[in-house]
């Protein structure tokens, strides 16, 4: 996997995770607390973690380690 492919995969995973987590956290806060609060710090940490996890797991499972 080339570095550009890795970054593209990271950005897609980061974006999807960020969007999904934002909606879930916002909906949870409306239901549980009665106010629409948004926890940006936790959403960014979760999105960054999964953004790194998915491309690395793809490299490990497919055996494509060429980062040129």
C-alpha atoms as a PDB file:
ATOM      1  CA  UNK A   1       0.000   0.000   0.000  1.00  0.00           C
ATOM      2  CA  UNK A   2       1.454   3.324  -1.006  1.00  0.00           C
ATOM      3  CA  UNK A   3       1.494   6.248   1.378  1.00  0.00           C
ATOM      4  CA  UNK A   4      -1.053   8.151  -0.712  1.00  0.00           C
ATOM      5  CA  UNK A   5      -3.423   5.148  -0.563  1.00  0.00           C
ATOM      6  CA  UNK A   6      -2.903   4.937   3.181  1.00  0.00           C
ATOM      7  CA  UNK A   7      -3.740   8.643   3.612  1.00  0.00           C
ATOM      8  CA  UNK A   8      -6.804   8.357   1.369  1.00  0.00           C
ATOM      9  CA  UNK A   9      -8.021   5.356   3.373  1.00  0.00           C
ATOM     10  CA  UNK A  10      -7.297   7.213   6.621  1.00  0.00           C
ATOM     11  CA  UNK A  11      -9.230  10.302   5.512  1.00  0.00           C
ATOM     12  CA  UNK A  12     -12.244   8.272   4.401  1.00  0.00           C
ATOM     13  CA  UNK A  13     -12.298   6.252   7.633  1.00  0.00           C
ATOM     14  CA  UNK A  14     -11.782   9.427   9.690  1.00  0.00           C
ATOM     15  CA  UNK A  15     -14.579  11.285   7.916  1.00  0.00           C
ATOM     16  CA  UNK A  16     -17.124   8.484   8.132  1.00  0.00           C
ATOM     17  CA  UNK A  17     -16.320   7.792  11.780  1.00  0.00           C
ATOM     18  CA  UNK A  18     -16.430  11.489  12.656  1.00  0.00           C
ATOM     19  CA  UNK A  19     -19.823  11.976  10.996  1.00  0.00           C
ATOM     20  CA  UNK A  20     -21.384   8.843  12.475  1.00  0.00           C
ATOM     21  CA  UNK A  21     -20.045   9.490  15.959  1.00  0.00           C
ATOM     22  CA  UNK A  22     -21.199  13.109  15.850  1.00  0.00           C
ATOM     23  CA  UNK A  23     -24.764  12.072  15.062  1.00  0.00           C
ATOM     24  CA  UNK A  24     -24.781   9.331  17.707  1.00  0.00           C
ATOM     25  CA  UNK A  25     -23.352  11.573  20.452  1.00  0.00           C
ATOM     26  CA  UNK A  26     -25.739  14.408  19.608  1.00  0.00           C
ATOM     27  CA  UNK A  27     -28.779  12.081  19.576  1.00  0.00           C
ATOM     28  CA  UNK A  28     -27.704  10.435  22.834  1.00  0.00           C
ATOM     29  CA  UNK A  29     -27.360  13.794  24.565  1.00  0.00           C
ATOM     30  CA  UNK A  30     -30.808  14.868  23.397  1.00  0.00           C
ATOM     31  CA  UNK A  31     -32.404  11.648  24.645  1.00  0.00           C
ATOM     32  CA  UNK A  32     -30.446  11.212  27.870  1.00  0.00           C
ATOM     33  CA  UNK A  33     -29.920  14.814  28.992  1.00  0.00           C
ATOM     34  CA  UNK A  34     -32.575  16.785  27.132  1.00  0.00           C
ATOM     35  CA  UNK A  35     -30.081  19.113  25.481  1.00  0.00           C
ATOM     36  CA  UNK A  36     -28.190  18.914  22.231  1.00  0.00           C
ATOM     37  CA  UNK A  37     -24.583  18.833  23.432  1.00  0.00           C
ATOM     38  CA  UNK A  38     -21.678  17.739  21.269  1.00  0.00           C
ATOM     39  CA  UNK A  39     -18.403  16.341  22.616  1.00  0.00           C
ATOM     40  CA  UNK A  40     -15.844  17.324  19.980  1.00  0.00           C
ATOM     41  CA  UNK A  41     -12.832  16.006  21.883  1.00  0.00           C
ATOM     42  CA  UNK A  42     -14.180  12.465  22.238  1.00  0.00           C
ATOM     43  CA  UNK A  43     -15.424  12.447  18.653  1.00  0.00           C
ATOM     44  CA  UNK A  44     -12.006  13.477  17.317  1.00  0.00           C
ATOM     45  CA  UNK A  45     -10.193  10.893  19.452  1.00  0.00           C
ATOM     46  CA  UNK A  46     -12.536   8.130  18.307  1.00  0.00           C
ATOM     47  CA  UNK A  47     -12.321   9.166  14.647  1.00  0.00           C
ATOM     48  CA  UNK A  48      -8.520   9.440  14.735  1.00  0.00           C
ATOM     49  CA  UNK A  49      -8.179   6.041  16.405  1.00  0.00           C
ATOM     50  CA  UNK A  50     -10.413   4.249  13.916  1.00  0.00           C
ATOM     51  CA  UNK A  51      -8.903   6.252  11.062  1.00  0.00           C
ATOM     52  CA  UNK A  52      -5.548   4.679  11.894  1.00  0.00           C
ATOM     53  CA  UNK A  53      -6.922   1.267  12.854  1.00  0.00           C
ATOM     54  CA  UNK A  54      -8.671   0.411   9.580  1.00  0.00           C
ATOM     55  CA  UNK A  55      -5.770   1.133   7.181  1.00  0.00           C
ATOM     56  CA  UNK A  56      -3.267  -0.624   9.453  1.00  0.00           C
ATOM     57  CA  UNK A  57      -5.502  -3.687   9.699  1.00  0.00           C
ATOM     58  CA  UNK A  58      -5.882  -3.666   5.918  1.00  0.00           C
ATOM     59  CA  UNK A  59      -2.090  -3.676   5.557  1.00  0.00           C
ATOM     60  CA  UNK A  60      -1.702  -6.503   8.069  1.00  0.00           C
ATOM     61  CA  UNK A  61      -4.476  -8.685   6.648  1.00  0.00           C
ATOM     62  CA  UNK A  62      -3.641  -8.285   2.964  1.00  0.00           C
ATOM     63  CA  UNK A  63       0.123  -8.317   3.363  1.00  0.00           C
ATOM     64  CA  UNK A  64       0.663  -5.137   1.327  1.00  0.00           C
ATOM     65  CA  UNK A  65       3.521  -3.496   3.217  1.00  0.00           C
ATOM     66  CA  UNK A  66       5.093  -1.483   0.385  1.00  0.00           C
ATOM     67  CA  UNK A  67       4.917   2.150   1.600  1.00  0.00           C
ATOM     68  CA  UNK A  68       6.691   3.855  -1.340  1.00  0.00           C
END
